[in-house]
Amino acid sequence: MAEVTGNEKSLLGLSFKAGGAIAGFVIIFWLSQIVVLRFYLNYQQTHSTIHIKVYLTAKSNTFERNDNSYTAEYTIFNEDTGESKSCLTKPFWEAGYLTIMARDVGDKDYITIKISNSRSKSWESDSFHSRSPKIAELTPTN
């Protein structure tokens, strides 16, 4: 005899009665599977991040292709938590664009990119959503 009933006072919102070892095993196995799947789905929704390639263009002038002194910093801002983090990266050339790889970007994140070179020129992008098109237009800051 096995029985599963709803109970608001219990931890999972339900209780069960089992008659015999096999019925008890089946109920415990079934409940464990439900709990593990709920934890996995919850973890996946809160911790899903991706890596994003962002192609960069400049408003007033283009980046010099033969200049290897570019450095980049991108800032990730999470709109839900209000947290932000900055990461340094080395830009590279791809498909005719100066490009960066932004790592561990979430669904609710906004990104801002700053580029500078050895001649003290720097550029900055407006903030854009992590799931928007990945060509960012930068404006000179000096």
N, C-alpha and C. Protein backbone atom coordinates (compact mmCIF):
# COMPACT_ATOMS: atom_id res chain seq x y z
N MET A 1 0.84 -1.18 0.00
CA MET A 1 0.00 0.00 0.00
C MET A 1 0.89 1.24 0.00
N ALA A 2 0.70 2.13 -0.94
CA ALA A 2 1.44 3.38 -1.00
C ALA A 2 0.45 4.51 -1.20
N GLU A 3 0.72 5.64 -0.55
CA GLU A 3 -0.21 6.77 -0.62
C GLU A 3 0.59 8.06 -0.57
N VAL A 4 0.24 9.00 -1.44
CA VAL A 4 0.85 10.33 -1.43
C VAL A 4 -0.28 11.33 -1.25
N THR A 5 -0.16 12.21 -0.23
CA THR A 5 -1.19 13.20 0.04
C THR A 5 -0.55 14.58 0.15
N GLY A 6 -1.35 15.61 -0.09
CA GLY A 6 -0.86 16.98 0.03
C GLY A 6 -0.91 17.43 1.47
N ASN A 7 0.11 18.19 1.88
CA ASN A 7 0.18 18.69 3.24
C ASN A 7 1.02 19.96 3.21
N GLU A 8 0.42 21.08 3.54
CA GLU A 8 1.12 22.37 3.47
C GLU A 8 2.21 22.51 4.53
N LYS A 9 2.12 21.76 5.62
CA LYS A 9 3.09 21.89 6.71
C LYS A 9 4.39 21.13 6.44
N SER A 10 4.38 20.21 5.49
CA SER A 10 5.59 19.44 5.22
C SER A 10 6.54 20.24 4.35
N LEU A 11 7.79 19.80 4.29
CA LEU A 11 8.85 20.51 3.56
C LEU A 11 8.57 20.58 2.06
N LEU A 12 8.14 19.51 1.45
CA LEU A 12 7.91 19.48 0.01
C LEU A 12 6.47 19.80 -0.37
N GLY A 13 5.59 20.01 0.59
CA GLY A 13 4.21 20.28 0.29
C GLY A 13 3.38 19.03 0.13
N LEU A 14 3.94 17.88 0.45
CA LEU A 14 3.19 16.64 0.39
C LEU A 14 3.76 15.65 1.39
N SER A 15 2.97 14.67 1.71
CA SER A 15 3.42 13.61 2.60
C SER A 15 3.05 12.28 1.96
N PHE A 16 3.58 11.22 2.48
CA PHE A 16 3.29 9.92 1.89
C PHE A 16 3.26 8.85 2.97
N LYS A 17 2.56 7.78 2.65
CA LYS A 17 2.53 6.57 3.47
C LYS A 17 2.94 5.43 2.57
N ALA A 18 3.71 4.53 3.06
CA ALA A 18 4.14 3.40 2.24
C ALA A 18 3.94 2.10 3.01
N GLY A 19 3.48 1.09 2.33
CA GLY A 19 3.34 -0.23 2.92
C GLY A 19 4.28 -1.18 2.24
N GLY A 20 5.29 -1.57 2.89
CA GLY A 20 6.26 -2.49 2.30
C GLY A 20 7.47 -1.76 1.77
N ALA A 21 8.54 -2.51 1.60
CA ALA A 21 9.81 -1.94 1.18
C ALA A 21 9.77 -1.45 -0.26
N ILE A 22 9.13 -2.18 -1.14
CA ILE A 22 9.12 -1.79 -2.54
C ILE A 22 8.32 -0.51 -2.74
N ALA A 23 7.16 -0.38 -2.10
CA ALA A 23 6.36 0.84 -2.23
C ALA A 23 7.12 2.04 -1.67
N GLY A 24 7.78 1.85 -0.54
CA GLY A 24 8.58 2.93 0.04
C GLY A 24 9.72 3.35 -0.87
N PHE A 25 10.40 2.39 -1.47
CA PHE A 25 11.50 2.68 -2.39
C PHE A 25 11.00 3.46 -3.60
N VAL A 26 9.87 3.03 -4.16
CA VAL A 26 9.32 3.70 -5.34
C VAL A 26 8.96 5.14 -5.02
N ILE A 27 8.33 5.36 -3.88
CA ILE A 27 7.95 6.73 -3.52
C ILE A 27 9.18 7.59 -3.27
N ILE A 28 10.16 7.09 -2.55
CA ILE A 28 11.39 7.86 -2.28
C ILE A 28 12.12 8.16 -3.59
N PHE A 29 12.22 7.17 -4.47
CA PHE A 29 12.89 7.38 -5.75
C PHE A 29 12.17 8.44 -6.57
N TRP A 30 10.86 8.38 -6.63
CA TRP A 30 10.06 9.33 -7.38
C TRP A 30 10.21 10.74 -6.82
N LEU A 31 10.12 10.88 -5.49
CA LEU A 31 10.27 12.20 -4.87
C LEU A 31 11.68 12.76 -5.08
N SER A 32 12.68 11.92 -4.99
CA SER A 32 14.06 12.37 -5.20
C SER A 32 14.25 12.90 -6.62
N GLN A 33 13.66 12.22 -7.58
CA GLN A 33 13.77 12.66 -8.96
C GLN A 33 13.11 14.03 -9.14
N ILE A 34 11.96 14.23 -8.55
CA ILE A 34 11.27 15.53 -8.66
C ILE A 34 12.11 16.64 -8.04
N VAL A 35 12.66 16.40 -6.85
CA VAL A 35 13.45 17.42 -6.16
C VAL A 35 14.72 17.75 -6.95
N VAL A 36 15.41 16.74 -7.46
CA VAL A 36 16.64 16.98 -8.22
C VAL A 36 16.34 17.77 -9.49
N LEU A 37 15.27 17.45 -10.18
CA LEU A 37 14.91 18.19 -11.39
C LEU A 37 14.55 19.64 -11.07
N ARG A 38 13.86 19.88 -9.96
CA ARG A 38 13.53 21.27 -9.58
C ARG A 38 14.78 22.07 -9.25
N PHE A 39 15.71 21.46 -8.51
CA PHE A 39 16.96 22.14 -8.20
C PHE A 39 17.75 22.43 -9.47
N TYR A 40 17.81 21.50 -10.40
CA TYR A 40 18.54 21.69 -11.64
C TYR A 40 17.94 22.81 -12.48
N LEU A 41 16.62 22.83 -12.62
CA LEU A 41 15.97 23.89 -13.40
C LEU A 41 16.17 25.25 -12.75
N ASN A 42 16.08 25.31 -11.42
CA ASN A 42 16.30 26.57 -10.70
C ASN A 42 17.74 27.04 -10.88
N TYR A 43 18.69 26.13 -10.77
CA TYR A 43 20.10 26.49 -10.94
C TYR A 43 20.36 26.98 -12.36
N GLN A 44 19.77 26.29 -13.34
CA GLN A 44 19.99 26.66 -14.72
C GLN A 44 19.43 28.04 -15.03
N GLN A 45 18.29 28.39 -14.44
CA GLN A 45 17.69 29.70 -14.68
C GLN A 45 18.49 30.82 -14.04
N THR A 46 19.09 30.58 -12.89
CA THR A 46 19.81 31.63 -12.18
C THR A 46 21.29 31.69 -12.53
N HIS A 47 21.86 30.65 -13.11
CA HIS A 47 23.29 30.61 -13.37
C HIS A 47 23.64 30.35 -14.83
N SER A 48 22.75 30.67 -15.73
CA SER A 48 23.06 30.44 -17.15
C SER A 48 23.81 31.66 -17.69
N THR A 49 25.04 31.43 -18.09
CA THR A 49 25.86 32.49 -18.68
C THR A 49 26.43 31.99 -20.00
N ILE A 50 26.78 32.93 -20.85
CA ILE A 50 27.37 32.60 -22.14
C ILE A 50 28.57 33.50 -22.38
N HIS A 51 29.34 33.18 -23.38
CA HIS A 51 30.44 34.02 -23.85
C HIS A 51 29.96 34.72 -25.12
N ILE A 52 30.25 36.01 -25.24
CA ILE A 52 29.76 36.80 -26.36
C ILE A 52 30.94 37.47 -27.07
N LYS A 53 30.95 37.35 -28.40
CA LYS A 53 31.90 38.14 -29.20
C LYS A 53 31.22 39.46 -29.53
N VAL A 54 31.94 40.55 -29.27
CA VAL A 54 31.41 41.87 -29.58
C VAL A 54 32.35 42.53 -30.58
N TYR A 55 31.80 42.90 -31.73
CA TYR A 55 32.56 43.59 -32.76
C TYR A 55 32.47 45.09 -32.49
N LEU A 56 33.61 45.79 -32.63
CA LEU A 56 33.69 47.20 -32.25
C LEU A 56 33.92 48.08 -33.47
N THR A 57 33.19 49.19 -33.51
CA THR A 57 33.42 50.23 -34.50
C THR A 57 33.57 51.55 -33.75
N ALA A 58 34.21 52.52 -34.38
CA ALA A 58 34.39 53.84 -33.78
C ALA A 58 33.63 54.87 -34.58
N LYS A 59 33.05 55.85 -33.88
CA LYS A 59 32.25 56.88 -34.56
C LYS A 59 33.10 57.78 -35.44
N SER A 60 34.09 58.44 -34.86
CA SER A 60 34.80 59.48 -35.61
C SER A 60 35.93 58.91 -36.48
N ASN A 61 36.62 57.93 -36.00
CA ASN A 61 37.70 57.34 -36.79
C ASN A 61 37.75 55.84 -36.51
N THR A 62 38.37 55.13 -37.39
CA THR A 62 38.43 53.68 -37.23
C THR A 62 39.66 53.29 -36.42
N PHE A 63 39.64 52.07 -35.95
CA PHE A 63 40.79 51.55 -35.24
C PHE A 63 41.87 51.18 -36.25
N GLU A 64 43.12 51.43 -35.89
CA GLU A 64 44.23 51.13 -36.79
C GLU A 64 44.55 49.64 -36.73
N ARG A 65 44.50 49.03 -37.88
CA ARG A 65 44.68 47.57 -37.97
C ARG A 65 46.07 47.13 -37.53
N ASN A 66 47.09 47.93 -37.77
CA ASN A 66 48.46 47.53 -37.43
C ASN A 66 48.85 47.91 -36.00
N ASP A 67 47.96 48.48 -35.23
CA ASP A 67 48.25 48.84 -33.83
C ASP A 67 47.91 47.64 -32.94
N ASN A 68 48.93 47.07 -32.33
CA ASN A 68 48.73 45.90 -31.46
C ASN A 68 48.69 46.28 -29.98
N SER A 69 48.60 47.56 -29.68
CA SER A 69 48.67 47.99 -28.28
C SER A 69 47.29 48.19 -27.65
N TYR A 70 46.22 47.78 -28.32
CA TYR A 70 44.88 47.97 -27.76
C TYR A 70 44.68 47.09 -26.52
N THR A 71 44.08 47.70 -25.53
CA THR A 71 43.63 46.95 -24.35
C THR A 71 42.15 47.23 -24.16
N ALA A 72 41.46 46.30 -23.56
CA ALA A 72 40.02 46.45 -23.40
C ALA A 72 39.60 46.09 -21.99
N GLU A 73 38.56 46.78 -21.54
CA GLU A 73 37.92 46.48 -20.27
C GLU A 73 36.42 46.53 -20.52
N TYR A 74 35.73 45.49 -20.11
CA TYR A 74 34.28 45.52 -20.22
C TYR A 74 33.68 45.39 -18.83
N THR A 75 32.57 46.07 -18.65
CA THR A 75 31.86 46.06 -17.38
C THR A 75 30.51 45.40 -17.59
N ILE A 76 30.21 44.44 -16.75
CA ILE A 76 28.93 43.73 -16.81
C ILE A 76 28.09 44.21 -15.63
N PHE A 77 26.90 44.71 -15.92
CA PHE A 77 25.98 45.19 -14.90
C PHE A 77 24.72 44.33 -14.94
N ASN A 78 24.36 43.72 -13.80
CA ASN A 78 23.15 42.90 -13.71
C ASN A 78 22.01 43.78 -13.22
N GLU A 79 20.94 43.90 -14.03
CA GLU A 79 19.84 44.79 -13.68
C GLU A 79 19.01 44.27 -12.52
N ASP A 80 18.99 42.96 -12.27
CA ASP A 80 18.21 42.42 -11.16
C ASP A 80 18.89 42.63 -9.82
N THR A 81 20.18 42.32 -9.74
CA THR A 81 20.88 42.40 -8.47
C THR A 81 21.55 43.75 -8.24
N GLY A 82 21.79 44.51 -9.30
CA GLY A 82 22.49 45.79 -9.17
C GLY A 82 23.99 45.63 -9.05
N GLU A 83 24.50 44.42 -9.22
CA GLU A 83 25.94 44.16 -9.11
C GLU A 83 26.62 44.43 -10.44
N SER A 84 27.86 44.86 -10.38
CA SER A 84 28.64 45.03 -11.60
C SER A 84 30.04 44.48 -11.36
N LYS A 85 30.64 44.02 -12.45
CA LYS A 85 32.02 43.56 -12.37
C LYS A 85 32.73 43.98 -13.65
N SER A 86 34.01 44.29 -13.51
CA SER A 86 34.82 44.70 -14.64
C SER A 86 35.86 43.62 -14.94
N CYS A 87 36.12 43.41 -16.21
CA CYS A 87 37.07 42.39 -16.64
C CYS A 87 37.98 42.97 -17.71
N LEU A 88 39.26 42.67 -17.61
CA LEU A 88 40.22 43.08 -18.63
C LEU A 88 40.35 41.97 -19.66
N THR A 89 40.52 42.35 -20.91
CA THR A 89 40.69 41.37 -21.97
C THR A 89 41.56 41.96 -23.07
N LYS A 90 42.10 41.11 -23.91
CA LYS A 90 42.92 41.56 -25.04
C LYS A 90 42.07 41.50 -26.30
N PRO A 91 41.86 42.65 -26.96
CA PRO A 91 41.09 42.64 -28.20
C PRO A 91 41.86 41.93 -29.32
N PHE A 92 41.13 41.45 -30.30
CA PHE A 92 41.72 40.80 -31.46
C PHE A 92 40.93 41.21 -32.70
N TRP A 93 41.50 40.95 -33.85
CA TRP A 93 40.85 41.30 -35.12
C TRP A 93 40.12 40.10 -35.67
N GLU A 94 38.86 40.31 -36.05
CA GLU A 94 38.06 39.25 -36.68
C GLU A 94 37.04 39.90 -37.60
N ALA A 95 36.94 39.37 -38.81
CA ALA A 95 35.97 39.83 -39.81
C ALA A 95 36.07 41.33 -40.08
N GLY A 96 37.28 41.87 -39.98
CA GLY A 96 37.49 43.29 -40.26
C GLY A 96 37.18 44.21 -39.09
N TYR A 97 36.81 43.68 -37.95
CA TYR A 97 36.47 44.47 -36.77
C TYR A 97 37.46 44.18 -35.64
N LEU A 98 37.73 45.20 -34.85
CA LEU A 98 38.38 44.97 -33.57
C LEU A 98 37.32 44.29 -32.70
N THR A 99 37.68 43.19 -32.07
CA THR A 99 36.70 42.32 -31.41
C THR A 99 37.15 41.98 -30.00
N ILE A 100 36.19 41.85 -29.09
CA ILE A 100 36.49 41.34 -27.75
C ILE A 100 35.59 40.14 -27.47
N MET A 101 36.02 39.31 -26.54
CA MET A 101 35.22 38.20 -26.07
C MET A 101 34.80 38.51 -24.63
N ALA A 102 33.50 38.74 -24.43
CA ALA A 102 32.96 38.99 -23.09
C ALA A 102 32.53 37.64 -22.52
N ARG A 103 33.07 37.27 -21.39
CA ARG A 103 32.83 35.95 -20.81
C ARG A 103 31.85 36.02 -19.63
N ASP A 104 31.11 34.95 -19.46
CA ASP A 104 30.18 34.78 -18.33
C ASP A 104 29.15 35.90 -18.25
N VAL A 105 28.47 36.13 -19.34
CA VAL A 105 27.44 37.17 -19.43
C VAL A 105 26.08 36.51 -19.27
N GLY A 106 25.25 37.06 -18.39
CA GLY A 106 23.94 36.49 -18.11
C GLY A 106 22.83 37.13 -18.91
N ASP A 107 21.64 36.59 -18.72
CA ASP A 107 20.44 37.03 -19.44
C ASP A 107 20.02 38.45 -19.08
N LYS A 108 20.25 38.87 -17.86
CA LYS A 108 19.79 40.17 -17.37
C LYS A 108 20.92 41.19 -17.28
N ASP A 109 21.99 40.97 -18.04
CA ASP A 109 23.17 41.82 -17.93
C ASP A 109 23.23 42.87 -19.03
N TYR A 110 23.85 44.00 -18.68
CA TYR A 110 24.18 45.06 -19.62
C TYR A 110 25.70 45.19 -19.67
N ILE A 111 26.23 45.52 -20.83
CA ILE A 111 27.68 45.55 -21.03
C ILE A 111 28.09 46.94 -21.49
N THR A 112 29.22 47.43 -20.96
CA THR A 112 29.87 48.65 -21.42
C THR A 112 31.32 48.31 -21.71
N ILE A 113 31.85 48.80 -22.83
CA ILE A 113 33.21 48.45 -23.26
C ILE A 113 34.06 49.71 -23.33
N LYS A 114 35.29 49.61 -22.83
CA LYS A 114 36.28 50.69 -22.93
C LYS A 114 37.52 50.14 -23.62
N ILE A 115 38.01 50.86 -24.62
CA ILE A 115 39.20 50.47 -25.37
C ILE A 115 40.21 51.60 -25.26
N SER A 116 41.48 51.26 -25.11
CA SER A 116 42.54 52.28 -25.13
C SER A 116 43.76 51.70 -25.84
N ASN A 117 44.65 52.59 -26.26
CA ASN A 117 45.88 52.13 -26.90
C ASN A 117 47.07 52.82 -26.24
N SER A 118 48.26 52.54 -26.76
CA SER A 118 49.49 53.06 -26.13
C SER A 118 49.68 54.55 -26.35
N ARG A 119 48.96 55.15 -27.29
CA ARG A 119 49.08 56.60 -27.55
C ARG A 119 48.05 57.40 -26.75
N SER A 120 47.53 56.82 -25.70
CA SER A 120 46.58 57.46 -24.78
C SER A 120 45.26 57.84 -25.44
N LYS A 121 44.90 57.16 -26.51
CA LYS A 121 43.58 57.33 -27.08
C LYS A 121 42.67 56.30 -26.43
N SER A 122 41.44 56.72 -26.17
CA SER A 122 40.50 55.77 -25.57
C SER A 122 39.10 55.98 -26.15
N TRP A 123 38.32 54.93 -26.14
CA TRP A 123 36.96 54.92 -26.65
C TRP A 123 36.08 54.18 -25.66
N GLU A 124 34.80 54.54 -25.66
CA GLU A 124 33.86 53.88 -24.75
C GLU A 124 32.52 53.68 -25.46
N SER A 125 31.87 52.56 -25.18
CA SER A 125 30.56 52.30 -25.78
C SER A 125 29.46 52.72 -24.81
N ASP A 126 28.28 52.89 -25.37
CA ASP A 126 27.10 53.03 -24.52
C ASP A 126 26.80 51.65 -23.94
N SER A 127 26.02 51.63 -22.90
CA SER A 127 25.61 50.35 -22.31
C SER A 127 24.60 49.68 -23.23
N PHE A 128 24.75 48.38 -23.44
CA PHE A 128 23.81 47.64 -24.28
C PHE A 128 23.48 46.31 -23.62
N HIS A 129 22.31 45.79 -23.94
CA HIS A 129 21.84 44.53 -23.34
C HIS A 129 22.63 43.37 -23.92
N SER A 130 22.84 42.36 -23.10
CA SER A 130 23.67 41.23 -23.50
C SER A 130 23.08 40.42 -24.65
N ARG A 131 21.79 40.52 -24.90
CA ARG A 131 21.16 39.75 -25.98
C ARG A 131 20.85 40.60 -27.21
N SER A 132 21.39 41.82 -27.26
CA SER A 132 21.18 42.69 -28.42
C SER A 132 22.23 42.37 -29.48
N PRO A 133 22.13 42.97 -30.68
CA PRO A 133 23.14 42.72 -31.72
C PRO A 133 24.54 43.07 -31.21
N LYS A 134 25.52 42.35 -31.68
CA LYS A 134 26.84 42.43 -31.08
C LYS A 134 27.83 43.27 -31.87
N ILE A 135 27.38 44.37 -32.48
CA ILE A 135 28.29 45.36 -33.04
C ILE A 135 28.11 46.62 -32.22
N ALA A 136 29.13 46.97 -31.45
CA ALA A 136 29.05 48.13 -30.55
C ALA A 136 29.80 49.30 -31.17
N GLU A 137 29.16 50.45 -31.16
CA GLU A 137 29.78 51.66 -31.66
C GLU A 137 30.36 52.44 -30.49
N LEU A 138 31.65 52.72 -30.57
CA LEU A 138 32.36 53.40 -29.49
C LEU A 138 32.60 54.86 -29.85
N THR A 139 32.60 55.71 -28.84
CA THR A 139 32.88 57.13 -29.04
C THR A 139 34.20 57.47 -28.35
N PRO A 140 35.00 58.35 -28.94
CA PRO A 140 36.25 58.75 -28.29
C PRO A 140 35.98 59.46 -26.97
N THR A 141 36.79 59.19 -25.97
CA THR A 141 36.63 59.85 -24.68
C THR A 141 37.68 60.94 -24.46
N ASN A 142 38.65 61.04 -25.34
CA ASN A 142 39.66 62.11 -25.21
C ASN A 142 40.04 62.66 -26.54
